[in-house]
């Protein structure tokens, strides 16, 4: 077993993580849309955004129009793309696992790949306690850095790996 700060990852998990390709765009969009609705709609409750503006076809087009989104992404693919992570330098920009597949080590495998590539920080929604606990189990710690989410009373908090 490989380890990320004490959290075990099953052998073979990282073998299922590969660089994303243009053909993954619609699957990435699907995972992102449903994850946003499940995890963030209960906090923000903006129907117009979550159920009109945020859609799989629109997000797929954005992925294809902005190829760096795909170029900076890795997918967990064991025959089905079940999650993805996007990094930008040392920052993790997105980490989503298909809601039907959470709790199976997919997020840990994706995070392990990003950490292996030098990623050491991310922003997490202050109210997303499940995500905060997940990142803490994998060696990330909350910092004092906060930023307001545009036009809301919600905050993002920076988490860093290590000291």
Protein backbone atom coordinates (compact mmCIF):
# COMPACT_ATOMS: atom_id res chain seq x y z
CA UNK A 1 0.00 0.00 0.00
CA UNK A 2 1.13 3.54 -0.69
CA UNK A 3 0.55 6.25 1.88
CA UNK A 4 -0.29 9.95 1.92
CA UNK A 5 0.50 11.19 5.44
CA UNK A 6 -0.77 8.08 7.16
CA UNK A 7 -3.80 7.48 4.90
CA UNK A 8 -3.45 4.25 2.99
CA UNK A 9 -4.23 3.97 -0.70
CA UNK A 10 -4.89 0.53 -2.15
CA UNK A 11 -2.35 -0.92 -4.57
CA UNK A 12 -3.34 -0.29 -8.16
CA UNK A 13 -5.38 2.84 -7.44
CA UNK A 14 -2.76 5.14 -8.91
CA UNK A 15 -2.57 2.89 -11.95
CA UNK A 16 -6.17 3.94 -12.62
CA UNK A 17 -5.26 7.64 -12.65
CA UNK A 18 -4.37 9.00 -16.07
CA UNK A 19 -4.06 12.34 -17.81
CA UNK A 20 -7.43 13.61 -19.04
CA UNK A 21 -8.10 13.82 -22.78
CA UNK A 22 -10.51 15.86 -24.90
CA UNK A 23 -12.77 12.80 -25.12
CA UNK A 24 -13.31 13.05 -21.35
CA UNK A 25 -14.83 16.56 -21.54
CA UNK A 26 -18.48 15.56 -21.25
CA UNK A 27 -17.78 13.12 -18.40
CA UNK A 28 -15.77 15.75 -16.51
CA UNK A 29 -18.65 18.19 -16.98
CA UNK A 30 -21.18 15.64 -15.79
CA UNK A 31 -19.22 14.82 -12.64
CA UNK A 32 -18.65 18.51 -11.89
CA UNK A 33 -22.29 19.55 -12.43
CA UNK A 34 -23.74 16.84 -10.22
CA UNK A 35 -21.09 17.33 -7.54
CA UNK A 36 -21.78 21.07 -7.48
CA UNK A 37 -25.51 20.46 -7.15
CA UNK A 38 -25.09 17.89 -4.40
CA UNK A 39 -22.45 19.72 -2.36
CA UNK A 40 -22.92 23.43 -3.02
CA UNK A 41 -26.58 23.99 -3.87
CA UNK A 42 -27.64 23.35 -0.24
CA UNK A 43 -25.30 26.18 0.82
CA UNK A 44 -25.90 28.76 -1.92
CA UNK A 45 -29.50 27.86 -2.92
CA UNK A 46 -29.35 29.74 -6.22
CA UNK A 47 -31.76 27.87 -8.47
CA UNK A 48 -31.00 29.92 -11.59
CA UNK A 49 -27.30 29.11 -11.43
CA UNK A 50 -27.38 25.48 -10.31
CA UNK A 51 -30.27 24.36 -12.52
CA UNK A 52 -30.02 26.61 -15.56
CA UNK A 53 -26.59 28.18 -16.06
CA UNK A 54 -24.66 25.18 -14.73
CA UNK A 55 -25.37 22.41 -17.21
CA UNK A 56 -23.46 19.51 -18.72
CA UNK A 57 -23.67 20.80 -22.34
CA UNK A 58 -22.50 24.31 -21.39
CA UNK A 59 -19.66 23.05 -19.20
CA UNK A 60 -18.58 20.51 -21.84
CA UNK A 61 -18.25 23.34 -24.37
CA UNK A 62 -16.20 25.35 -21.86
CA UNK A 63 -13.85 22.39 -21.38
CA UNK A 64 -13.36 22.06 -25.12
CA UNK A 65 -12.97 25.82 -25.65
CA UNK A 66 -10.41 26.15 -22.85
CA UNK A 67 -8.08 23.17 -23.40
CA UNK A 68 -5.92 24.01 -20.35
CA UNK A 69 -8.79 22.74 -18.18
CA UNK A 70 -8.33 19.28 -19.66
CA UNK A 71 -4.54 19.53 -19.98
CA UNK A 72 -4.26 20.22 -16.23
CA UNK A 73 -6.64 17.42 -15.26
CA UNK A 74 -6.23 13.78 -14.33
CA UNK A 75 -9.04 11.24 -14.22
CA UNK A 76 -9.63 8.09 -12.23
CA UNK A 77 -10.54 5.59 -14.93
CA UNK A 78 -11.00 1.89 -14.24
CA UNK A 79 -13.08 1.44 -17.36
CA UNK A 80 -15.41 4.24 -16.28
CA UNK A 81 -14.25 7.76 -15.44
CA UNK A 82 -15.28 8.06 -11.79
CA UNK A 83 -13.56 11.27 -10.71
CA UNK A 84 -11.07 13.93 -11.65
CA UNK A 85 -8.61 16.42 -10.24
CA UNK A 86 -7.34 19.63 -11.84
CA UNK A 87 -4.13 21.30 -10.76
CA UNK A 88 -2.54 24.60 -11.66
CA UNK A 89 1.09 24.68 -10.58
CA UNK A 90 1.07 23.88 -6.87
CA UNK A 91 -2.67 24.55 -6.43
CA UNK A 92 -5.42 21.98 -6.62
CA UNK A 93 -8.26 23.74 -8.43
CA UNK A 94 -10.89 20.99 -8.49
CA UNK A 95 -11.34 17.52 -7.06
CA UNK A 96 -14.61 15.75 -7.72
CA UNK A 97 -15.69 12.14 -7.49
CA UNK A 98 -18.93 10.92 -9.06
CA UNK A 99 -21.34 10.92 -6.10
CA UNK A 100 -22.26 7.26 -6.72
CA UNK A 101 -18.60 6.27 -6.19
CA UNK A 102 -17.58 8.25 -3.11
CA UNK A 103 -15.92 6.43 -0.22
CA UNK A 104 -13.96 4.04 -2.46
CA UNK A 105 -10.51 5.67 -2.35
CA UNK A 106 -10.92 7.46 -5.68
CA UNK A 107 -10.44 10.95 -4.22
CA UNK A 108 -7.38 9.75 -2.30
CA UNK A 109 -5.85 8.26 -5.44
CA UNK A 110 -6.41 11.47 -7.39
CA UNK A 111 -5.03 13.60 -4.57
CA UNK A 112 -2.01 11.33 -4.31
CA UNK A 113 -1.24 11.93 -7.99
CA UNK A 114 -1.55 15.71 -7.56
CA UNK A 115 0.69 15.70 -4.47
CA UNK A 116 3.19 13.58 -6.38
CA UNK A 117 3.28 16.31 -9.02
CA UNK A 118 4.01 18.97 -6.37
CA UNK A 119 0.52 20.30 -5.59
CA UNK A 120 0.43 21.43 -1.97
CA UNK A 121 -2.51 23.81 -1.50
CA UNK A 122 -6.17 24.39 -2.33
CA UNK A 123 -9.18 26.50 -1.48
CA UNK A 124 -12.13 24.81 0.21
CA UNK A 125 -15.56 26.19 1.04
CA UNK A 126 -15.63 26.95 4.77
CA UNK A 127 -18.98 25.16 5.18
CA UNK A 128 -17.86 22.06 3.27
CA UNK A 129 -16.88 20.18 6.42
CA UNK A 130 -16.71 16.79 4.72
CA UNK A 131 -14.12 18.10 2.26
CA UNK A 132 -12.12 19.77 5.04
CA UNK A 133 -12.02 16.51 7.03
CA UNK A 134 -11.03 14.57 3.90
CA UNK A 135 -8.12 16.90 3.13
CA UNK A 136 -7.01 16.92 6.78
CA UNK A 137 -6.87 13.10 6.79
CA UNK A 138 -4.53 13.37 3.80
CA UNK A 139 -2.09 15.83 5.35
CA UNK A 140 -3.58 19.25 4.54
CA UNK A 141 -4.10 21.86 7.23
CA UNK A 142 -6.32 24.94 7.39
CA UNK A 143 -4.51 28.28 7.16
CA UNK A 144 -5.63 31.75 8.19
CA UNK A 145 -6.11 32.77 4.54
CA UNK A 146 -9.77 33.34 3.66
CA UNK A 147 -11.50 34.91 0.70
CA UNK A 148 -15.13 35.74 0.17
CA UNK A 149 -17.05 33.91 -2.54
CA UNK A 150 -18.27 36.59 -4.99
CA UNK A 151 -21.50 38.33 -3.95
CA UNK A 152 -22.18 35.97 -1.04
CA UNK A 153 -21.50 35.79 2.67
CA UNK A 154 -19.60 32.51 2.18
CA UNK A 155 -15.83 32.06 2.45
CA UNK A 156 -13.16 29.89 0.93
CA UNK A 157 -10.28 28.87 3.19
CA UNK A 158 -6.81 27.96 1.95
CA UNK A 159 -5.48 24.58 3.03
CA UNK A 160 -1.80 23.69 2.73
CA UNK A 161 0.04 20.46 2.95
CA UNK A 162 2.81 20.09 5.51
CA UNK A 163 3.72 22.60 8.19
